Amino acid sequence: MYCRYISIAKDPNGSVVQLYNVTGVLTGPGVLTAEADGINPATVSFSEYSEKLASQTDIIGFDWKILNGTSWVIDPDKVFFVKTVDNRIWKLRFIDFEGASTGVSVFEKTDLGLFSATNEWPGMELNIYPNPASEILTISMQHGQQTSLKIQITDAAGKQINQFDLAGREGFRVVEIPVYDLPEGNYILTIDGAGKRISRTFVKQ
């Protein structure tokens, strides 16, 4: 949703941080977004950012534009990948912003097709709950390989927060992971084993 909303932001001089009316983009329920910054918009690949998709509503936000004197400058090295509720991936790149007087923006969107989870583990059934989680995140899985597993939790920026090792055992198993000490936000849980990987996103509240 392209709109005006109130957010913490710097004043036009860049010296004061406080609540301002800003113009930007907020996403709704079921929409996941990943920001790619410092890249070449023409060659950046969604595969490098697929595991960073998160449900935070203001990932696109308003800071894709910068006020330089009396005119707005668009960040030329930033794009956003958006996964819609119909499982389609779009690349969104802003090109122009006329300013608060009109609020008009120009952007290009590229349809990248339906989302395909290239890191899915054939034969692995994985569920995590509750989501959002506050104290304990429960992982239930079923797979037919007796292989040791590595469970990793990373934040939305890709920084590893926790890692756990599990001994190999095929069949159904349930694992509980404490998350009460994690700051609120979006996280990615990844399970590796036998050269395969599977990921799920969850929210700590």
C-alpha atoms as a PDB file:
ATOM      1  CA  MET A   1       0.000   0.000   0.000  1.00  0.00           C
ATOM      2  CA  TYR A   2       1.494   3.316  -1.129  1.00  0.00           C
ATOM      3  CA  CYS A   3       0.472   5.919   1.449  1.00  0.00           C
ATOM      4  CA  ARG A   4       1.436   8.579   3.984  1.00  0.00           C
ATOM      5  CA  TYR A   5       2.018   7.347   7.520  1.00  0.00           C
ATOM      6  CA  ILE A   6       3.834   8.340  10.710  1.00  0.00           C
ATOM      7  CA  SER A   7       7.279   6.884  11.375  1.00  0.00           C
ATOM      8  CA  ILE A   8      10.517   7.626  13.172  1.00  0.00           C
ATOM      9  CA  ALA A   9      12.653   9.560  10.660  1.00  0.00           C
ATOM     10  CA  LYS A  10      15.294  12.267  10.379  1.00  0.00           C
ATOM     11  CA  ASP A  11      14.199  15.838   9.741  1.00  0.00           C
ATOM     12  CA  PRO A  12      15.026  17.366   6.304  1.00  0.00           C
ATOM     13  CA  ASN A  13      18.365  18.603   7.663  1.00  0.00           C
ATOM     14  CA  GLY A  14      19.259  15.103   8.832  1.00  0.00           C
ATOM     15  CA  SER A  15      19.975  16.284  12.372  1.00  0.00           C
ATOM     16  CA  VAL A  16      16.860  15.429  14.389  1.00  0.00           C
ATOM     17  CA  VAL A  17      15.224  12.005  14.679  1.00  0.00           C
ATOM     18  CA  GLN A  18      11.560  12.095  15.628  1.00  0.00           C
ATOM     19  CA  LEU A  19       8.080  11.141  14.448  1.00  0.00           C
ATOM     20  CA  TYR A  20       7.289  12.489  10.967  1.00  0.00           C
ATOM     21  CA  ASN A  21       4.634  12.112   8.315  1.00  0.00           C
ATOM     22  CA  VAL A  22       6.384  10.128   5.596  1.00  0.00           C
ATOM     23  CA  THR A  23       5.410   8.855   2.159  1.00  0.00           C
ATOM     24  CA  GLY A  24       6.205   5.253   1.461  1.00  0.00           C
ATOM     25  CA  VAL A  25       5.013   1.675   1.098  1.00  0.00           C
ATOM     26  CA  LEU A  26       3.575  -0.650   3.744  1.00  0.00           C
ATOM     27  CA  THR A  27       2.781  -4.313   3.108  1.00  0.00           C
ATOM     28  CA  GLY A  28      -0.222  -6.260   4.321  1.00  0.00           C
ATOM     29  CA  PRO A  29      -0.973  -9.713   5.764  1.00  0.00           C
ATOM     30  CA  GLY A  30       0.560 -12.614   3.859  1.00  0.00           C
ATOM     31  CA  VAL A  31       3.045 -10.450   1.936  1.00  0.00           C
ATOM     32  CA  LEU A  32       6.782 -11.089   2.404  1.00  0.00           C
ATOM     33  CA  THR A  33       9.502  -8.645   1.391  1.00  0.00           C
ATOM     34  CA  ALA A  34      13.300  -8.602   1.169  1.00  0.00           C
ATOM     35  CA  GLU A  35      15.499  -5.560   0.586  1.00  0.00           C
ATOM     36  CA  ALA A  36      18.563  -5.800  -1.683  1.00  0.00           C
ATOM     37  CA  ASP A  37      20.896  -2.860  -1.123  1.00  0.00           C
ATOM     38  CA  GLY A  38      24.261  -1.949  -2.631  1.00  0.00           C
ATOM     39  CA  ILE A  39      23.562  -4.041  -5.723  1.00  0.00           C
ATOM     40  CA  ASN A  40      23.206  -3.656  -9.485  1.00  0.00           C
ATOM     41  CA  PRO A  41      19.426  -3.577 -10.048  1.00  0.00           C
ATOM     42  CA  ALA A  42      19.834  -5.062 -13.528  1.00  0.00           C
ATOM     43  CA  THR A  43      21.750  -8.157 -12.436  1.00  0.00           C
ATOM     44  CA  VAL A  44      20.704  -8.826  -8.833  1.00  0.00           C
ATOM     45  CA  SER A  45      19.251 -12.313  -8.346  1.00  0.00           C
ATOM     46  CA  PHE A  46      16.264 -13.124  -6.165  1.00  0.00           C
ATOM     47  CA  SER A  47      17.883 -16.454  -5.196  1.00  0.00           C
ATOM     48  CA  GLU A  48      20.405 -14.535  -3.087  1.00  0.00           C
ATOM     49  CA  TYR A  49      17.609 -12.951  -1.044  1.00  0.00           C
ATOM     50  CA  SER A  50      14.891 -15.633  -0.934  1.00  0.00           C
ATOM     51  CA  GLU A  51      15.798 -16.643   2.637  1.00  0.00           C
ATOM     52  CA  LYS A  52      15.583 -13.013   3.790  1.00  0.00           C
ATOM     53  CA  LEU A  53      11.886 -12.646   2.947  1.00  0.00           C
ATOM     54  CA  ALA A  54      10.098 -11.325   6.022  1.00  0.00           C
ATOM     55  CA  SER A  55       6.623 -10.148   7.003  1.00  0.00           C
ATOM     56  CA  GLN A  56       7.645  -6.837   8.605  1.00  0.00           C
ATOM     57  CA  THR A  57       5.251  -4.254   7.174  1.00  0.00           C
ATOM     58  CA  ASP A  58       7.722  -1.407   6.563  1.00  0.00           C
ATOM     59  CA  ILE A  59      10.653  -3.160   4.854  1.00  0.00           C
ATOM     60  CA  ILE A  60      10.017  -1.095   1.719  1.00  0.00           C
ATOM     61  CA  GLY A  61       9.072   1.910   3.829  1.00  0.00           C
ATOM     62  CA  PHE A  62      10.163   5.405   2.824  1.00  0.00           C
ATOM     63  CA  ASP A  63      13.982   5.502   2.832  1.00  0.00           C
ATOM     64  CA  TRP A  64      14.419   4.497  -0.820  1.00  0.00           C
ATOM     65  CA  LYS A  65      14.509   8.278  -1.386  1.00  0.00           C
ATOM     66  CA  ILE A  66      16.752  10.947   0.135  1.00  0.00           C
ATOM     67  CA  LEU A  67      16.112  14.694   0.313  1.00  0.00           C
ATOM     68  CA  ASN A  68      19.123  16.506  -1.176  1.00  0.00           C
ATOM     69  CA  GLY A  69      18.616  20.216  -0.685  1.00  0.00           C
ATOM     70  CA  THR A  70      15.225  20.892  -2.250  1.00  0.00           C
ATOM     71  CA  SER A  71      15.005  17.804  -4.478  1.00  0.00           C
ATOM     72  CA  TRP A  72      14.613  14.101  -3.892  1.00  0.00           C
ATOM     73  CA  VAL A  73      17.223  11.560  -4.961  1.00  0.00           C
ATOM     74  CA  ILE A  74      16.353   7.887  -5.421  1.00  0.00           C
ATOM     75  CA  ASP A  75      18.779   5.271  -4.101  1.00  0.00           C
ATOM     76  CA  PRO A  76      20.062   3.785  -7.395  1.00  0.00           C
ATOM     77  CA  ASP A  77      21.479   0.601  -5.827  1.00  0.00           C
ATOM     78  CA  LYS A  78      18.393  -0.676  -4.041  1.00  0.00           C
ATOM     79  CA  VAL A  79      15.524  -2.969  -5.090  1.00  0.00           C
ATOM     80  CA  PHE A  80      12.889  -4.906  -3.203  1.00  0.00           C
ATOM     81  CA  PHE A  81      11.682  -8.460  -3.761  1.00  0.00           C
ATOM     82  CA  VAL A  82       8.033  -8.973  -2.873  1.00  0.00           C
ATOM     83  CA  LYS A  83       6.280 -12.327  -2.456  1.00  0.00           C
ATOM     84  CA  THR A  84       2.526 -11.809  -2.751  1.00  0.00           C
ATOM     85  CA  VAL A  85      -0.211 -13.933  -1.219  1.00  0.00           C
ATOM     86  CA  ASP A  86      -0.648 -15.762  -4.541  1.00  0.00           C
ATOM     87  CA  ASN A  87       2.985 -16.980  -4.271  1.00  0.00           C
ATOM     88  CA  ARG A  88       4.286 -14.705  -7.042  1.00  0.00           C
ATOM     89  CA  ILE A  89       7.617 -12.888  -6.826  1.00  0.00           C
ATOM     90  CA  TRP A  90       8.038  -9.287  -8.003  1.00  0.00           C
ATOM     91  CA  LYS A  91      11.132  -7.109  -8.185  1.00  0.00           C
ATOM     92  CA  LEU A  92      10.321  -3.504  -7.288  1.00  0.00           C
ATOM     93  CA  ARG A  93      12.641  -0.616  -8.169  1.00  0.00           C
ATOM     94  CA  PHE A  94      11.854   3.045  -7.498  1.00  0.00           C
ATOM     95  CA  ILE A  95      12.830   5.540 -10.192  1.00  0.00           C
ATOM     96  CA  ASP A  96      11.429   8.939  -9.159  1.00  0.00           C
ATOM     97  CA  PHE A  97       9.597  10.798  -6.398  1.00  0.00           C
ATOM     98  CA  GLU A  98       8.088  14.236  -7.035  1.00  0.00           C
ATOM     99  CA  GLY A  99       7.837  15.217  -3.367  1.00  0.00           C
ATOM    100  CA  ALA A 100       5.184  15.802  -0.739  1.00  0.00           C
ATOM    101  CA  SER A 101       3.343  18.405  -2.848  1.00  0.00           C
ATOM    102  CA  THR A 102       2.058  15.715  -5.230  1.00  0.00           C
ATOM    103  CA  GLY A 103       3.201  12.467  -3.593  1.00  0.00           C
ATOM    104  CA  VAL A 104       3.702  10.994  -7.065  1.00  0.00           C
ATOM    105  CA  SER A 105       6.253   8.192  -7.382  1.00  0.00           C
ATOM    106  CA  VAL A 106       7.525   6.297 -10.395  1.00  0.00           C
ATOM    107  CA  PHE A 107       8.656   2.702 -10.071  1.00  0.00           C
ATOM    108  CA  GLU A 108       9.130  -0.348 -12.232  1.00  0.00           C
ATOM    109  CA  LYS A 109       7.994  -3.811 -11.295  1.00  0.00           C
ATOM    110  CA  THR A 110       9.272  -7.025 -12.804  1.00  0.00           C
ATOM    111  CA  ASP A 111       7.304 -10.272 -12.609  1.00  0.00           C
ATOM    112  CA  LEU A 112       9.768 -13.019 -11.647  1.00  0.00           C
ATOM    113  CA  GLY A 113       7.145 -15.767 -11.753  1.00  0.00           C
ATOM    114  CA  LEU A 114       5.873 -18.129  -9.098  1.00  0.00           C
ATOM    115  CA  PHE A 115       7.968 -18.714  -5.999  1.00  0.00           C
ATOM    116  CA  SER A 116       9.952 -21.935  -6.064  1.00  0.00           C
ATOM    117  CA  ALA A 117      11.666 -22.910  -2.826  1.00  0.00           C
ATOM    118  CA  THR A 118      14.980 -24.117  -4.218  1.00  0.00           C
ATOM    119  CA  ASN A 119      16.171 -25.064  -0.751  1.00  0.00           C
ATOM    120  CA  GLU A 120      13.327 -27.486  -0.063  1.00  0.00           C
ATOM    121  CA  TRP A 121      14.322 -30.920   1.226  1.00  0.00           C
ATOM    122  CA  PRO A 122      12.554 -33.707  -0.716  1.00  0.00           C
ATOM    123  CA  GLY A 123      10.936 -36.137   1.685  1.00  0.00           C
ATOM    124  CA  MET A 124      11.222 -33.799   4.676  1.00  0.00           C
ATOM    125  CA  GLU A 125       7.988 -32.696   6.324  1.00  0.00           C
ATOM    126  CA  LEU A 126       8.636 -29.696   8.546  1.00  0.00           C
ATOM    127  CA  ASN A 127       6.341 -27.524  10.647  1.00  0.00           C
ATOM    128  CA  ILE A 128       7.093 -24.848  13.236  1.00  0.00           C
ATOM    129  CA  TYR A 129       4.633 -23.490  15.795  1.00  0.00           C
ATOM    130  CA  PRO A 130       3.399 -21.316  17.336  1.00  0.00           C
ATOM    131  CA  ASN A 131       4.125 -18.569  14.848  1.00  0.00           C
ATOM    132  CA  PRO A 132       4.453 -15.872  16.162  1.00  0.00           C
ATOM    133  CA  ALA A 133       6.302 -17.405  19.139  1.00  0.00           C
ATOM    134  CA  SER A 134       7.041 -15.794  22.492  1.00  0.00           C
ATOM    135  CA  GLU A 135       8.687 -18.426  24.725  1.00  0.00           C
ATOM    136  CA  ILE A 136       9.199 -21.745  22.925  1.00  0.00           C
ATOM    137  CA  LEU A 137       9.324 -22.556  19.203  1.00  0.00           C
ATOM    138  CA  THR A 138       8.296 -26.148  18.507  1.00  0.00           C
ATOM    139  CA  ILE A 139       9.686 -27.946  15.463  1.00  0.00           C
ATOM    140  CA  SER A 140       8.010 -31.091  14.190  1.00  0.00           C
ATOM    141  CA  MET A 141       9.668 -33.003  11.374  1.00  0.00           C
ATOM    142  CA  GLN A 142       9.503 -36.306   9.621  1.00  0.00           C
ATOM    143  CA  HIS A 143      12.126 -37.622   7.225  1.00  0.00           C
ATOM    144  CA  GLY A 144      13.429 -40.957   6.018  1.00  0.00           C
ATOM    145  CA  GLN A 145      17.167 -40.402   6.438  1.00  0.00           C
ATOM    146  CA  GLN A 146      19.220 -41.224   9.507  1.00  0.00           C
ATOM    147  CA  THR A 147      21.502 -38.223   9.284  1.00  0.00           C
ATOM    148  CA  SER A 148      22.719 -35.658  11.793  1.00  0.00           C
ATOM    149  CA  LEU A 149      21.025 -32.286  11.532  1.00  0.00           C
ATOM    150  CA  LYS A 150      22.134 -28.725  12.164  1.00  0.00           C
ATOM    151  CA  ILE A 151      19.477 -26.193  13.134  1.00  0.00           C
ATOM    152  CA  GLN A 152      20.321 -22.518  12.707  1.00  0.00           C
ATOM    153  CA  ILE A 153      18.382 -19.392  13.583  1.00  0.00           C
ATOM    154  CA  THR A 154      19.323 -16.213  11.728  1.00  0.00           C
ATOM    155  CA  ASP A 155      17.815 -12.760  11.843  1.00  0.00           C
ATOM    156  CA  ALA A 156      16.312 -10.960   8.847  1.00  0.00           C
ATOM    157  CA  ALA A 157      19.742  -9.540   7.960  1.00  0.00           C
ATOM    158  CA  GLY A 158      21.280 -13.024   7.784  1.00  0.00           C
ATOM    159  CA  LYS A 159      23.218 -12.833  11.090  1.00  0.00           C
ATOM    160  CA  GLN A 160      23.378 -16.179  12.905  1.00  0.00           C
ATOM    161  CA  ILE A 161      21.710 -15.996  16.319  1.00  0.00           C
ATOM    162  CA  ASN A 162      21.717 -19.632  17.512  1.00  0.00           C
ATOM    163  CA  GLN A 163      22.815 -23.051  16.319  1.00  0.00           C
ATOM    164  CA  PHE A 164      21.858 -26.535  17.546  1.00  0.00           C
ATOM    165  CA  ASP A 165      23.073 -29.992  16.530  1.00  0.00           C
ATOM    166  CA  LEU A 166      20.817 -33.069  16.497  1.00  0.00           C
ATOM    167  CA  ALA A 167      21.915 -36.685  16.304  1.00  0.00           C
ATOM    168  CA  GLY A 168      20.704 -38.628  13.306  1.00  0.00           C
ATOM    169  CA  ARG A 169      17.351 -40.381  13.555  1.00  0.00           C
ATOM    170  CA  GLU A 170      14.783 -41.117  10.889  1.00  0.00           C
ATOM    171  CA  GLY A 171      11.057 -40.869  11.354  1.00  0.00           C
ATOM    172  CA  PHE A 172       8.948 -38.351  13.279  1.00  0.00           C
ATOM    173  CA  ARG A 173      10.467 -36.148  15.962  1.00  0.00           C
ATOM    174  CA  VAL A 174       9.609 -32.996  17.868  1.00  0.00           C
ATOM    175  CA  VAL A 175      12.179 -30.460  19.080  1.00  0.00           C
ATOM    176  CA  GLU A 176      11.535 -27.456  21.306  1.00  0.00           C
ATOM    177  CA  ILE A 177      13.804 -24.403  21.047  1.00  0.00           C
ATOM    178  CA  PRO A 178      13.699 -21.531  23.574  1.00  0.00           C
ATOM    179  CA  VAL A 179      13.229 -18.145  21.932  1.00  0.00           C
ATOM    180  CA  TYR A 180      12.236 -16.051  24.960  1.00  0.00           C
ATOM    181  CA  ASP A 181      15.577 -14.214  24.924  1.00  0.00           C
ATOM    182  CA  LEU A 182      15.336 -13.172  21.267  1.00  0.00           C
ATOM    183  CA  PRO A 183      14.400  -9.555  20.494  1.00  0.00           C
ATOM    184  CA  GLU A 184      11.040  -9.124  18.791  1.00  0.00           C
ATOM    185  CA  GLY A 185      11.278  -9.405  15.012  1.00  0.00           C
ATOM    186  CA  ASN A 186      11.508 -11.757  12.043  1.00  0.00           C
ATOM    187  CA  TYR A 187      13.789 -14.784  11.982  1.00  0.00           C
ATOM    188  CA  ILE A 188      14.697 -17.663   9.689  1.00  0.00           C
ATOM    189  CA  LEU A 189      15.033 -21.236  10.944  1.00  0.00           C
ATOM    190  CA  THR A 190      17.182 -23.443   8.704  1.00  0.00           C
ATOM    191  CA  ILE A 191      17.826 -27.178   8.964  1.00  0.00           C
ATOM    192  CA  ASP A 192      20.845 -28.673   7.181  1.00  0.00           C
ATOM    193  CA  GLY A 193      21.747 -32.313   6.764  1.00  0.00           C
ATOM    194  CA  ALA A 194      23.109 -34.757   4.184  1.00  0.00           C
ATOM    195  CA  GLY A 195      23.763 -31.902   1.754  1.00  0.00           C
ATOM    196  CA  LYS A 196      20.144 -30.721   1.883  1.00  0.00           C
ATOM    197  CA  ARG A 197      18.531 -27.646   3.414  1.00  0.00           C
ATOM    198  CA  ILE A 198      15.056 -26.470   4.337  1.00  0.00           C
ATOM    199  CA  SER A 199      14.003 -23.120   5.840  1.00  0.00           C
ATOM    200  CA  ARG A 200      11.011 -21.552   7.512  1.00  0.00           C
ATOM    201  CA  THR A 201      10.419 -17.993   8.694  1.00  0.00           C
ATOM    202  CA  PHE A 202       8.935 -17.144  12.069  1.00  0.00           C
ATOM    203  CA  VAL A 203       8.152 -14.080  14.144  1.00  0.00           C
ATOM    204  CA  LYS A 204       9.274 -13.538  17.740  1.00  0.00           C
ATOM    205  CA  GLN A 205       6.752 -11.454  19.650  1.00  0.00           C
END
